[in-house]
Amino acid sequence: MSRIRLLADEELTPEARKQVQAVEASGADASVMRAAGHRQEMFDHYFKFYYPAHQGGQVEADLKELVRLKIARLNDCFT
């Protein structure tokens, strides 16, 4: 299975670095954001869609996150 190298702080755009550091300071995992840094402009547009979709709808965000994590583990993905 392919692996995407996670970018170090100095490889991220200033805005992405700020967001990653805030996420990690809260104790959360910013691996997806570090991987997305390879194509930051594309993922900026993606996250404008993703976050409202993740927070809205009939299914609670916590349950969506558990499902996302289960799918990731089933695919041997640890982000």
C-alpha atoms as a PDB file:
ATOM      1  CA  MET A   1       0.000   0.000   0.000  1.00  0.00           C
ATOM      2  CA  SER A   2       1.285   3.469  -0.869  1.00  0.00           C
ATOM      3  CA  ARG A   3       2.124   5.906   1.873  1.00  0.00           C
ATOM      4  CA  ILE A   4       2.111   9.679   1.683  1.00  0.00           C
ATOM      5  CA  ARG A   5       4.979  11.389   3.460  1.00  0.00           C
ATOM      6  CA  LEU A   6       3.755  13.784   6.147  1.00  0.00           C
ATOM      7  CA  LEU A   7       5.212  17.260   5.731  1.00  0.00           C
ATOM      8  CA  ALA A   8       7.288  18.895   8.454  1.00  0.00           C
ATOM      9  CA  ASP A   9       6.286  22.326   9.762  1.00  0.00           C
ATOM     10  CA  GLU A  10       8.790  24.144   7.539  1.00  0.00           C
ATOM     11  CA  GLU A  11       7.337  22.480   4.424  1.00  0.00           C
ATOM     12  CA  LEU A  12       3.775  23.686   5.085  1.00  0.00           C
ATOM     13  CA  THR A  13       2.326  26.977   3.924  1.00  0.00           C
ATOM     14  CA  PRO A  14       2.203  29.569   6.721  1.00  0.00           C
ATOM     15  CA  GLU A  15      -1.595  29.208   7.037  1.00  0.00           C
ATOM     16  CA  ALA A  16      -1.441  25.391   7.030  1.00  0.00           C
ATOM     17  CA  ARG A  17       1.367  25.468   9.608  1.00  0.00           C
ATOM     18  CA  LYS A  18      -0.753  27.676  11.876  1.00  0.00           C
ATOM     19  CA  GLN A  19      -3.727  25.302  11.572  1.00  0.00           C
ATOM     20  CA  VAL A  20      -1.603  22.175  12.129  1.00  0.00           C
ATOM     21  CA  GLN A  21       0.036  23.650  15.207  1.00  0.00           C
ATOM     22  CA  ALA A  22      -3.359  24.627  16.640  1.00  0.00           C
ATOM     23  CA  VAL A  23      -4.754  21.124  16.044  1.00  0.00           C
ATOM     24  CA  GLU A  24      -1.711  19.454  17.602  1.00  0.00           C
ATOM     25  CA  ALA A  25      -1.712  21.887  20.559  1.00  0.00           C
ATOM     26  CA  SER A  26      -5.257  20.731  21.318  1.00  0.00           C
ATOM     27  CA  GLY A  27      -3.989  17.147  21.459  1.00  0.00           C
ATOM     28  CA  ALA A  28      -5.579  16.067  18.177  1.00  0.00           C
ATOM     29  CA  ASP A  29      -3.873  14.376  15.237  1.00  0.00           C
ATOM     30  CA  ALA A  30      -3.007  16.600  12.258  1.00  0.00           C
ATOM     31  CA  SER A  31      -1.634  13.829  10.018  1.00  0.00           C
ATOM     32  CA  VAL A  32      -4.278  14.361   7.335  1.00  0.00           C
ATOM     33  CA  MET A  33      -3.460  18.061   7.212  1.00  0.00           C
ATOM     34  CA  ARG A  34       0.267  17.311   6.951  1.00  0.00           C
ATOM     35  CA  ALA A  35      -0.374  14.883   4.086  1.00  0.00           C
ATOM     36  CA  ALA A  36      -2.711  17.314   2.335  1.00  0.00           C
ATOM     37  CA  GLY A  37       0.082  19.887   2.299  1.00  0.00           C
ATOM     38  CA  HIS A  38       1.491  18.256  -0.829  1.00  0.00           C
ATOM     39  CA  ARG A  39      -1.460  19.772  -2.735  1.00  0.00           C
ATOM     40  CA  GLN A  40      -2.557  22.505  -0.359  1.00  0.00           C
ATOM     41  CA  GLU A  41      -4.523  24.523  -2.927  1.00  0.00           C
ATOM     42  CA  MET A  42      -6.613  21.479  -3.864  1.00  0.00           C
ATOM     43  CA  PHE A  43      -7.318  20.548  -0.249  1.00  0.00           C
ATOM     44  CA  ASP A  44      -8.227  24.118   0.688  1.00  0.00           C
ATOM     45  CA  HIS A  45     -11.202  23.737  -1.660  1.00  0.00           C
ATOM     46  CA  TYR A  46     -11.939  20.210  -0.400  1.00  0.00           C
ATOM     47  CA  PHE A  47     -12.033  21.258   3.273  1.00  0.00           C
ATOM     48  CA  LYS A  48     -14.473  24.075   2.468  1.00  0.00           C
ATOM     49  CA  PHE A  49     -16.842  21.260   1.468  1.00  0.00           C
ATOM     50  CA  TYR A  50     -15.793  18.640   4.039  1.00  0.00           C
ATOM     51  CA  TYR A  51     -16.114  20.535   7.321  1.00  0.00           C
ATOM     52  CA  PRO A  52     -19.699  21.771   6.771  1.00  0.00           C
ATOM     53  CA  ALA A  53     -20.696  18.293   5.560  1.00  0.00           C
ATOM     54  CA  HIS A  54     -19.024  16.659   8.554  1.00  0.00           C
ATOM     55  CA  GLN A  55     -20.715  18.940  11.062  1.00  0.00           C
ATOM     56  CA  GLY A  56     -24.166  19.097   9.445  1.00  0.00           C
ATOM     57  CA  GLY A  57     -26.812  16.567   8.484  1.00  0.00           C
ATOM     58  CA  GLN A  58     -28.841  13.956  10.366  1.00  0.00           C
ATOM     59  CA  VAL A  59     -25.905  11.898  11.680  1.00  0.00           C
ATOM     60  CA  GLU A  60     -23.902  13.358  14.566  1.00  0.00           C
ATOM     61  CA  ALA A  61     -20.317  14.416  13.800  1.00  0.00           C
ATOM     62  CA  ASP A  62     -18.953  12.061  16.492  1.00  0.00           C
ATOM     63  CA  LEU A  63     -20.562   9.047  14.818  1.00  0.00           C
ATOM     64  CA  LYS A  64     -19.304  10.143  11.397  1.00  0.00           C
ATOM     65  CA  GLU A  65     -15.793  10.331  12.828  1.00  0.00           C
ATOM     66  CA  LEU A  66     -16.045   6.838  14.328  1.00  0.00           C
ATOM     67  CA  VAL A  67     -17.182   5.473  10.969  1.00  0.00           C
ATOM     68  CA  ARG A  68     -14.337   7.297   9.206  1.00  0.00           C
ATOM     69  CA  LEU A  69     -11.808   5.812  11.641  1.00  0.00           C
ATOM     70  CA  LYS A  70     -13.222   2.301  11.246  1.00  0.00           C
ATOM     71  CA  ILE A  71     -13.033   2.541   7.456  1.00  0.00           C
ATOM     72  CA  ALA A  72      -9.458   3.819   7.718  1.00  0.00           C
ATOM     73  CA  ARG A  73      -8.424   0.912   9.958  1.00  0.00           C
ATOM     74  CA  LEU A  74     -10.087  -1.616   7.661  1.00  0.00           C
ATOM     75  CA  ASN A  75      -7.945  -0.190   4.856  1.00  0.00           C
ATOM     76  CA  ASP A  76      -4.785  -0.240   6.973  1.00  0.00           C
ATOM     77  CA  CYS A  77      -4.716   3.564   7.100  1.00  0.00           C
ATOM     78  CA  PHE A  78      -3.712   5.272  10.319  1.00  0.00           C
ATOM     79  CA  THR A  79      -4.728   8.895   9.690  1.00  0.00           C
END
